C-alpha cells in the first residue's frame, strides 16, 4: 500500500524505565494510559495538557518523559498498531480469500470507529520511528498480498489497489466520527456498501441509519463547527 506513517520515541510502557524511580515509573505509565484514552476520544491533535491532567501529573512531568508529541503517540498506540498488523496476517489465513479480505476491512474499520487516535494514525504520516515503521511495512505487505490473493480468486475488482483501501478507511472514519452519537453503527453500512461495490454479486446490507439520526448528526456537526441552527430539516437526497 502506498500510505505510510510512523512515530519517533519510546514505544513500550516497560521500555525506557530502567534507572527511573518508582514514582517516575508510575507517572510514565499513568501518562501513557491517559494518552490512550484522550487520543481515542479526541484524535492525535488532543491537548497534551488534558492528558497530563487526566494522568494526575504536571505538564512539565509529561514533557520530561515524552519531549515530543510523536514519542507519546508511539508509546500510547504501539499496541493498536500491532493489532492492525496482526489483523492482516490473520486475514491471510482464511481459506476463502474474499472472507479474509472483507473480514479484515471490517475489523480495521471497527478499530477506527472505537479509537480516533488510531484512525488519525492510519491516515497520516508522522516522523519515522523504526519499530512502528517495521510493523506498518509488514502489515502493508500482507494487505497487498491479501488484495492480490482475492483478485486471483476472481472475487475483487482487478482495478482495486491499496490506495483504494486507504480511501475507504478515511471515509469510514469520517462516517464513524460524525455519526457516533446518533447512529454509532452507521459505518458498518457504509463499509458494506463499499465492499459490495468492490465485488460483483449481491450481498445483504446492514440496516441504514434513520432520517432522524442523520439529521441529528448533521445538526451536531454544525453546532460543533459554530454553525448551530443552519442545517435544514431536510437534506438533499436524505429521507422522504
C-alpha atoms as a PDB file:
ATOM      1  CA  UNK A   1       0.000   0.000   0.000  1.00  0.00           C
ATOM      2  CA  UNK A   2       1.240   3.456  -0.762  1.00  0.00           C
ATOM      3  CA  UNK A   3       0.464   5.100   2.536  1.00  0.00           C
ATOM      4  CA  UNK A   4       2.989   5.409   5.309  1.00  0.00           C
ATOM      5  CA  UNK A   5       3.374   6.879   8.752  1.00  0.00           C
ATOM      6  CA  UNK A   6       5.405   6.306  11.844  1.00  0.00           C
ATOM      7  CA  UNK A   7       6.480   7.936  15.001  1.00  0.00           C
ATOM      8  CA  UNK A   8       9.624   8.591  16.922  1.00  0.00           C
ATOM      9  CA  UNK A   9      10.163   7.793  20.537  1.00  0.00           C
ATOM     10  CA  UNK A  10       9.884   5.201  23.222  1.00  0.00           C
ATOM     11  CA  UNK A  11       7.180   2.718  22.240  1.00  0.00           C
ATOM     12  CA  UNK A  12       6.590   0.267  25.033  1.00  0.00           C
ATOM     13  CA  UNK A  13       5.356   1.136  28.518  1.00  0.00           C
ATOM     14  CA  UNK A  14       8.106  -1.034  30.007  1.00  0.00           C
ATOM     15  CA  UNK A  15      10.838   0.282  27.740  1.00  0.00           C
ATOM     16  CA  UNK A  16      12.896   3.260  28.848  1.00  0.00           C
ATOM     17  CA  UNK A  17      12.057   2.839  32.533  1.00  0.00           C
ATOM     18  CA  UNK A  18      15.424   1.488  33.640  1.00  0.00           C
ATOM     19  CA  UNK A  19      17.022   3.762  36.176  1.00  0.00           C
ATOM     20  CA  UNK A  20      13.783   5.633  36.890  1.00  0.00           C
ATOM     21  CA  UNK A  21      12.476   5.990  40.423  1.00  0.00           C
ATOM     22  CA  UNK A  22       9.302   4.103  41.297  1.00  0.00           C
ATOM     23  CA  UNK A  23       7.253   7.316  41.251  1.00  0.00           C
ATOM     24  CA  UNK A  24       8.681   8.228  37.842  1.00  0.00           C
ATOM     25  CA  UNK A  25       7.722   4.803  36.500  1.00  0.00           C
ATOM     26  CA  UNK A  26       4.184   5.242  37.852  1.00  0.00           C
ATOM     27  CA  UNK A  27       3.924   8.710  36.312  1.00  0.00           C
ATOM     28  CA  UNK A  28       5.079   7.417  32.962  1.00  0.00           C
ATOM     29  CA  UNK A  29       2.550   4.576  32.998  1.00  0.00           C
ATOM     30  CA  UNK A  30      -0.227   6.980  34.015  1.00  0.00           C
ATOM     31  CA  UNK A  31       0.675   9.359  31.183  1.00  0.00           C
ATOM     32  CA  UNK A  32       0.592   6.555  28.604  1.00  0.00           C
ATOM     33  CA  UNK A  33      -2.766   5.280  29.832  1.00  0.00           C
ATOM     34  CA  UNK A  34      -4.229   8.781  29.844  1.00  0.00           C
ATOM     35  CA  UNK A  35      -2.855   9.404  26.350  1.00  0.00           C
ATOM     36  CA  UNK A  36      -4.527   6.231  25.066  1.00  0.00           C
ATOM     37  CA  UNK A  37      -7.864   7.416  26.419  1.00  0.00           C
ATOM     38  CA  UNK A  38      -7.593  11.020  25.267  1.00  0.00           C
ATOM     39  CA  UNK A  39      -6.266  10.163  21.799  1.00  0.00           C
ATOM     40  CA  UNK A  40      -9.048   7.592  21.388  1.00  0.00           C
ATOM     41  CA  UNK A  41     -11.643  10.210  22.291  1.00  0.00           C
ATOM     42  CA  UNK A  42     -10.250  13.290  20.548  1.00  0.00           C
ATOM     43  CA  UNK A  43      -7.656  12.170  17.996  1.00  0.00           C
ATOM     44  CA  UNK A  44      -3.928  12.756  17.839  1.00  0.00           C
ATOM     45  CA  UNK A  45      -4.254  16.541  17.999  1.00  0.00           C
ATOM     46  CA  UNK A  46      -5.685  16.277  21.508  1.00  0.00           C
ATOM     47  CA  UNK A  47      -4.359  18.631  24.148  1.00  0.00           C
ATOM     48  CA  UNK A  48      -1.264  17.402  25.955  1.00  0.00           C
ATOM     49  CA  UNK A  49      -2.383  19.474  28.916  1.00  0.00           C
ATOM     50  CA  UNK A  50      -5.573  17.408  29.105  1.00  0.00           C
ATOM     51  CA  UNK A  51      -3.516  14.223  29.003  1.00  0.00           C
ATOM     52  CA  UNK A  52      -1.308  15.468  31.843  1.00  0.00           C
ATOM     53  CA  UNK A  53      -4.352  16.476  33.858  1.00  0.00           C
ATOM     54  CA  UNK A  54      -6.036  13.103  33.374  1.00  0.00           C
ATOM     55  CA  UNK A  55      -2.808  11.355  34.346  1.00  0.00           C
ATOM     56  CA  UNK A  56      -2.596  13.442  37.512  1.00  0.00           C
ATOM     57  CA  UNK A  57       0.776  14.987  36.655  1.00  0.00           C
ATOM     58  CA  UNK A  58       2.018  18.393  35.639  1.00  0.00           C
ATOM     59  CA  UNK A  59       2.707  19.237  32.014  1.00  0.00           C
ATOM     60  CA  UNK A  60       6.418  19.566  32.843  1.00  0.00           C
ATOM     61  CA  UNK A  61       6.420  15.952  34.020  1.00  0.00           C
ATOM     62  CA  UNK A  62       4.799  14.848  30.773  1.00  0.00           C
ATOM     63  CA  UNK A  63       7.462  16.644  28.729  1.00  0.00           C
ATOM     64  CA  UNK A  64      10.254  15.134  30.826  1.00  0.00           C
ATOM     65  CA  UNK A  65       9.009  11.660  29.982  1.00  0.00           C
ATOM     66  CA  UNK A  66       7.985  12.459  26.388  1.00  0.00           C
ATOM     67  CA  UNK A  67       9.762  15.511  24.936  1.00  0.00           C
ATOM     68  CA  UNK A  68       7.769  15.313  21.681  1.00  0.00           C
ATOM     69  CA  UNK A  69       4.166  14.511  20.811  1.00  0.00           C
ATOM     70  CA  UNK A  70       5.346  11.785  18.432  1.00  0.00           C
ATOM     71  CA  UNK A  71       7.072   9.936  21.272  1.00  0.00           C
ATOM     72  CA  UNK A  72       3.895   9.939  23.344  1.00  0.00           C
ATOM     73  CA  UNK A  73       1.801   8.824  20.375  1.00  0.00           C
ATOM     74  CA  UNK A  74       4.192   5.949  19.745  1.00  0.00           C
ATOM     75  CA  UNK A  75       4.113   4.739  23.346  1.00  0.00           C
ATOM     76  CA  UNK A  76       0.334   5.059  23.568  1.00  0.00           C
ATOM     77  CA  UNK A  77      -0.600   3.434  20.261  1.00  0.00           C
ATOM     78  CA  UNK A  78       2.020   0.745  19.697  1.00  0.00           C
ATOM     79  CA  UNK A  79      -0.401  -1.983  20.812  1.00  0.00           C
ATOM     80  CA  UNK A  80      -3.043  -0.722  18.379  1.00  0.00           C
ATOM     81  CA  UNK A  81      -0.533  -0.718  15.532  1.00  0.00           C
ATOM     82  CA  UNK A  82       0.431  -4.279  16.477  1.00  0.00           C
ATOM     83  CA  UNK A  83      -3.250  -5.267  16.363  1.00  0.00           C
ATOM     84  CA  UNK A  84      -3.538  -3.647  12.931  1.00  0.00           C
ATOM     85  CA  UNK A  85      -0.541  -5.645  11.729  1.00  0.00           C
ATOM     86  CA  UNK A  86      -1.806  -8.898  13.247  1.00  0.00           C
ATOM     87  CA  UNK A  87      -5.198  -8.465  11.567  1.00  0.00           C
ATOM     88  CA  UNK A  88      -3.579  -8.545   8.133  1.00  0.00           C
ATOM     89  CA  UNK A  89      -1.692 -11.747   8.950  1.00  0.00           C
ATOM     90  CA  UNK A  90      -4.832 -13.399  10.306  1.00  0.00           C
ATOM     91  CA  UNK A  91      -6.812 -12.423   7.201  1.00  0.00           C
ATOM     92  CA  UNK A  92      -4.340 -14.299   5.017  1.00  0.00           C
ATOM     93  CA  UNK A  93      -5.053 -17.482   6.995  1.00  0.00           C
ATOM     94  CA  UNK A  94      -8.682 -17.610   5.804  1.00  0.00           C
ATOM     95  CA  UNK A  95      -9.339 -20.373   3.289  1.00  0.00           C
ATOM     96  CA  UNK A  96     -11.798 -18.111   1.459  1.00  0.00           C
ATOM     97  CA  UNK A  97      -9.869 -15.090   0.091  1.00  0.00           C
ATOM     98  CA  UNK A  98     -12.951 -12.850   0.000  1.00  0.00           C
ATOM     99  CA  UNK A  99     -13.905 -13.723   3.575  1.00  0.00           C
ATOM    100  CA  UNK A 100     -10.379 -12.864   4.663  1.00  0.00           C
ATOM    101  CA  UNK A 101     -10.347  -9.575   2.780  1.00  0.00           C
ATOM    102  CA  UNK A 102     -13.839  -8.446   3.850  1.00  0.00           C
ATOM    103  CA  UNK A 103     -13.236  -9.525   7.432  1.00  0.00           C
ATOM    104  CA  UNK A 104     -10.007  -7.554   7.519  1.00  0.00           C
ATOM    105  CA  UNK A 105     -11.692  -4.402   6.215  1.00  0.00           C
ATOM    106  CA  UNK A 106     -14.490  -4.671   8.798  1.00  0.00           C
ATOM    107  CA  UNK A 107     -12.019  -5.284  11.613  1.00  0.00           C
ATOM    108  CA  UNK A 108      -9.838  -2.274  10.811  1.00  0.00           C
ATOM    109  CA  UNK A 109     -12.836  -0.003  10.362  1.00  0.00           C
ATOM    110  CA  UNK A 110     -14.191  -1.237  13.695  1.00  0.00           C
ATOM    111  CA  UNK A 111     -10.883  -0.443  15.373  1.00  0.00           C
ATOM    112  CA  UNK A 112     -11.024   3.038  13.858  1.00  0.00           C
ATOM    113  CA  UNK A 113     -14.604   3.613  14.987  1.00  0.00           C
ATOM    114  CA  UNK A 114     -13.579   2.923  18.580  1.00  0.00           C
ATOM    115  CA  UNK A 115     -10.322   4.898  18.532  1.00  0.00           C
ATOM    116  CA  UNK A 116      -9.916   8.279  16.837  1.00  0.00           C
ATOM    117  CA  UNK A 117      -6.198   8.202  17.556  1.00  0.00           C
ATOM    118  CA  UNK A 118      -5.722   5.031  15.549  1.00  0.00           C
ATOM    119  CA  UNK A 119      -7.985   6.433  12.850  1.00  0.00           C
ATOM    120  CA  UNK A 120      -5.751   9.505  12.603  1.00  0.00           C
ATOM    121  CA  UNK A 121      -2.616   7.403  12.608  1.00  0.00           C
ATOM    122  CA  UNK A 122      -3.744   5.163   9.748  1.00  0.00           C
ATOM    123  CA  UNK A 123      -4.485   8.203   7.589  1.00  0.00           C
ATOM    124  CA  UNK A 124      -1.433  10.345   8.284  1.00  0.00           C
ATOM    125  CA  UNK A 125       2.348  10.309   8.170  1.00  0.00           C
ATOM    126  CA  UNK A 126       4.484  11.243  11.170  1.00  0.00           C
ATOM    127  CA  UNK A 127       8.247  11.386  11.741  1.00  0.00           C
ATOM    128  CA  UNK A 128       9.708   7.921  11.344  1.00  0.00           C
ATOM    129  CA  UNK A 129      10.085   5.511  14.207  1.00  0.00           C
ATOM    130  CA  UNK A 130      11.878   2.274  13.382  1.00  0.00           C
ATOM    131  CA  UNK A 131       9.660  -0.120  15.340  1.00  0.00           C
ATOM    132  CA  UNK A 132       6.340   1.367  14.233  1.00  0.00           C
ATOM    133  CA  UNK A 133       7.592   1.630  10.666  1.00  0.00           C
ATOM    134  CA  UNK A 134       8.589  -2.033  10.628  1.00  0.00           C
ATOM    135  CA  UNK A 135       5.155  -3.099  11.864  1.00  0.00           C
ATOM    136  CA  UNK A 136       3.393  -0.848   9.376  1.00  0.00           C
ATOM    137  CA  UNK A 137       5.542  -2.050   6.468  1.00  0.00           C
ATOM    138  CA  UNK A 138       4.898  -5.678   7.381  1.00  0.00           C
ATOM    139  CA  UNK A 139       1.160  -5.033   7.618  1.00  0.00           C
ATOM    140  CA  UNK A 140       1.088  -3.192   4.304  1.00  0.00           C
ATOM    141  CA  UNK A 141       2.930  -6.019   2.551  1.00  0.00           C
ATOM    142  CA  UNK A 142       0.417  -8.508   3.913  1.00  0.00           C
ATOM    143  CA  UNK A 143      -2.507  -6.352   2.809  1.00  0.00           C
ATOM    144  CA  UNK A 144      -1.138  -6.174  -0.734  1.00  0.00           C
ATOM    145  CA  UNK A 145      -0.764  -9.958  -0.652  1.00  0.00           C
ATOM    146  CA  UNK A 146      -4.353 -10.214   0.584  1.00  0.00           C
ATOM    147  CA  UNK A 147      -5.578  -7.961  -2.223  1.00  0.00           C
ATOM    148  CA  UNK A 148      -3.674  -9.909  -4.877  1.00  0.00           C
ATOM    149  CA  UNK A 149      -4.939 -13.209  -3.480  1.00  0.00           C
ATOM    150  CA  UNK A 150      -8.547 -12.025  -3.551  1.00  0.00           C
ATOM    151  CA  UNK A 151      -8.157 -10.771  -7.106  1.00  0.00           C
ATOM    152  CA  UNK A 152      -6.669 -14.091  -8.199  1.00  0.00           C
ATOM    153  CA  UNK A 153      -9.749 -15.831  -6.795  1.00  0.00           C
ATOM    154  CA  UNK A 154     -11.940 -13.635  -9.001  1.00  0.00           C
ATOM    155  CA  UNK A 155     -13.644 -12.008  -6.011  1.00  0.00           C
ATOM    156  CA  UNK A 156     -12.176  -8.491  -6.150  1.00  0.00           C
ATOM    157  CA  UNK A 157     -12.190  -5.935  -8.943  1.00  0.00           C
ATOM    158  CA  UNK A 158      -8.971  -6.032 -10.925  1.00  0.00           C
ATOM    159  CA  UNK A 159      -8.578  -2.249 -10.729  1.00  0.00           C
ATOM    160  CA  UNK A 160      -8.674  -2.226  -6.920  1.00  0.00           C
ATOM    161  CA  UNK A 161      -5.370  -1.052  -5.397  1.00  0.00           C
ATOM    162  CA  UNK A 162      -4.007  -0.481  -1.911  1.00  0.00           C
ATOM    163  CA  UNK A 163      -4.725   3.240  -2.110  1.00  0.00           C
ATOM    164  CA  UNK A 164      -8.414   2.408  -2.510  1.00  0.00           C
ATOM    165  CA  UNK A 165      -8.351   0.793   0.902  1.00  0.00           C
ATOM    166  CA  UNK A 166      -6.842   3.931   2.412  1.00  0.00           C
ATOM    167  CA  UNK A 167      -9.652   5.976   0.878  1.00  0.00           C
ATOM    168  CA  UNK A 168     -12.158   3.589   2.418  1.00  0.00           C
ATOM    169  CA  UNK A 169     -10.508   3.858   5.838  1.00  0.00           C
ATOM    170  CA  UNK A 170     -10.574   7.654   5.702  1.00  0.00           C
ATOM    171  CA  UNK A 171     -14.213   7.731   4.619  1.00  0.00           C
ATOM    172  CA  UNK A 172     -15.294   5.133   7.171  1.00  0.00           C
ATOM    173  CA  UNK A 173     -13.516   7.049   9.929  1.00  0.00           C
ATOM    174  CA  UNK A 174     -15.374  10.214   8.961  1.00  0.00           C
ATOM    175  CA  UNK A 175     -18.733   8.421   8.980  1.00  0.00           C
ATOM    176  CA  UNK A 176     -17.954   6.900  12.348  1.00  0.00           C
ATOM    177  CA  UNK A 177     -16.927  10.214  13.913  1.00  0.00           C
ATOM    178  CA  UNK A 178     -19.852  12.224  12.598  1.00  0.00           C
ATOM    179  CA  UNK A 179     -22.495   9.596  13.384  1.00  0.00           C
ATOM    180  CA  UNK A 180     -21.071   8.147  16.606  1.00  0.00           C
ATOM    181  CA  UNK A 181     -23.559   9.881  18.938  1.00  0.00           C
ATOM    182  CA  UNK A 182     -26.707   9.190  16.925  1.00  0.00           C
ATOM    183  CA  UNK A 183     -26.047   6.059  14.846  1.00  0.00           C
ATOM    184  CA  UNK A 184     -22.764   4.530  16.022  1.00  0.00           C
ATOM    185  CA  UNK A 185     -23.139   1.553  13.700  1.00  0.00           C
ATOM    186  CA  UNK A 186     -23.614   3.622  10.536  1.00  0.00           C
ATOM    187  CA  UNK A 187     -20.031   2.954   9.447  1.00  0.00           C
ATOM    188  CA  UNK A 188     -20.943  -0.729   9.063  1.00  0.00           C
ATOM    189  CA  UNK A 189     -23.482   0.044   6.350  1.00  0.00           C
ATOM    190  CA  UNK A 190     -21.015   2.324   4.586  1.00  0.00           C
ATOM    191  CA  UNK A 191     -18.339  -0.379   4.619  1.00  0.00           C
ATOM    192  CA  UNK A 192     -20.861  -2.964   3.407  1.00  0.00           C
ATOM    193  CA  UNK A 193     -21.814  -0.694   0.512  1.00  0.00           C
ATOM    194  CA  UNK A 194     -18.158  -0.187  -0.369  1.00  0.00           C
ATOM    195  CA  UNK A 195     -17.386  -3.898  -0.221  1.00  0.00           C
ATOM    196  CA  UNK A 196     -20.426  -4.603  -2.371  1.00  0.00           C
ATOM    197  CA  UNK A 197     -19.023  -2.207  -4.962  1.00  0.00           C
ATOM    198  CA  UNK A 198     -15.637  -3.919  -4.819  1.00  0.00           C
ATOM    199  CA  UNK A 199     -17.116  -7.274  -5.838  1.00  0.00           C
ATOM    200  CA  UNK A 200     -19.755  -8.430  -8.305  1.00  0.00           C
ATOM    201  CA  UNK A 201     -22.534 -10.275  -6.505  1.00  0.00           C
ATOM    202  CA  UNK A 202     -25.498  -9.495  -4.289  1.00  0.00           C
ATOM    203  CA  UNK A 203     -24.993  -9.139  -0.558  1.00  0.00           C
ATOM    204  CA  UNK A 204     -27.112  -8.269   2.466  1.00  0.00           C
ATOM    205  CA  UNK A 205     -26.532  -4.790   3.854  1.00  0.00           C
ATOM    206  CA  UNK A 206     -26.867  -3.699   7.485  1.00  0.00           C
ATOM    207  CA  UNK A 207     -29.842  -1.529   8.386  1.00  0.00           C
ATOM    208  CA  UNK A 208     -29.196   2.126   7.442  1.00  0.00           C
ATOM    209  CA  UNK A 209     -29.423   4.968   9.966  1.00  0.00           C
ATOM    210  CA  UNK A 210     -32.812   6.619  10.076  1.00  0.00           C
ATOM    211  CA  UNK A 211     -33.538  10.027   8.556  1.00  0.00           C
ATOM    212  CA  UNK A 212     -33.873  11.452  12.074  1.00  0.00           C
ATOM    213  CA  UNK A 213     -30.495  10.046  13.097  1.00  0.00           C
ATOM    214  CA  UNK A 214     -28.817  11.507  10.015  1.00  0.00           C
ATOM    215  CA  UNK A 215     -30.363  14.939  10.587  1.00  0.00           C
ATOM    216  CA  UNK A 216     -29.407  14.912  14.256  1.00  0.00           C
ATOM    217  CA  UNK A 217     -25.805  14.039  13.369  1.00  0.00           C
ATOM    218  CA  UNK A 218     -25.779  16.873  10.810  1.00  0.00           C
ATOM    219  CA  UNK A 219     -27.031  19.315  13.438  1.00  0.00           C
ATOM    220  CA  UNK A 220     -24.482  18.090  15.928  1.00  0.00           C
ATOM    221  CA  UNK A 221     -21.651  18.583  13.442  1.00  0.00           C
ATOM    222  CA  UNK A 222     -22.908  22.052  12.525  1.00  0.00           C
ATOM    223  CA  UNK A 223     -23.056  23.023  16.188  1.00  0.00           C
ATOM    224  CA  UNK A 224     -19.537  21.726  16.761  1.00  0.00           C
ATOM    225  CA  UNK A 225     -18.342  23.996  13.944  1.00  0.00           C
ATOM    226  CA  UNK A 226     -20.093  27.052  15.402  1.00  0.00           C
ATOM    227  CA  UNK A 227     -22.928  26.911  12.859  1.00  0.00           C
ATOM    228  CA  UNK A 228     -25.800  25.799  15.068  1.00  0.00           C
ATOM    229  CA  UNK A 229     -29.197  26.181  13.505  1.00  0.00           C
ATOM    230  CA  UNK A 230     -28.083  26.393   9.867  1.00  0.00           C
ATOM    231  CA  UNK A 231     -28.955  22.785   8.914  1.00  0.00           C
ATOM    232  CA  UNK A 232     -32.271  22.420   7.174  1.00  0.00           C
ATOM    233  CA  UNK A 233     -34.818  19.858   8.330  1.00  0.00           C
ATOM    234  CA  UNK A 234     -34.392  18.011   5.056  1.00  0.00           C
ATOM    235  CA  UNK A 235     -31.091  17.388   3.373  1.00  0.00           C
ATOM    236  CA  UNK A 236     -30.694  16.760  -0.357  1.00  0.00           C
ATOM    237  CA  UNK A 237     -31.229  13.100  -1.128  1.00  0.00           C
ATOM    238  CA  UNK A 238     -31.802  12.163   2.507  1.00  0.00           C
ATOM    239  CA  UNK A 239     -35.140  10.920   3.797  1.00  0.00           C
ATOM    240  CA  UNK A 240     -38.612  11.200   2.311  1.00  0.00           C
END
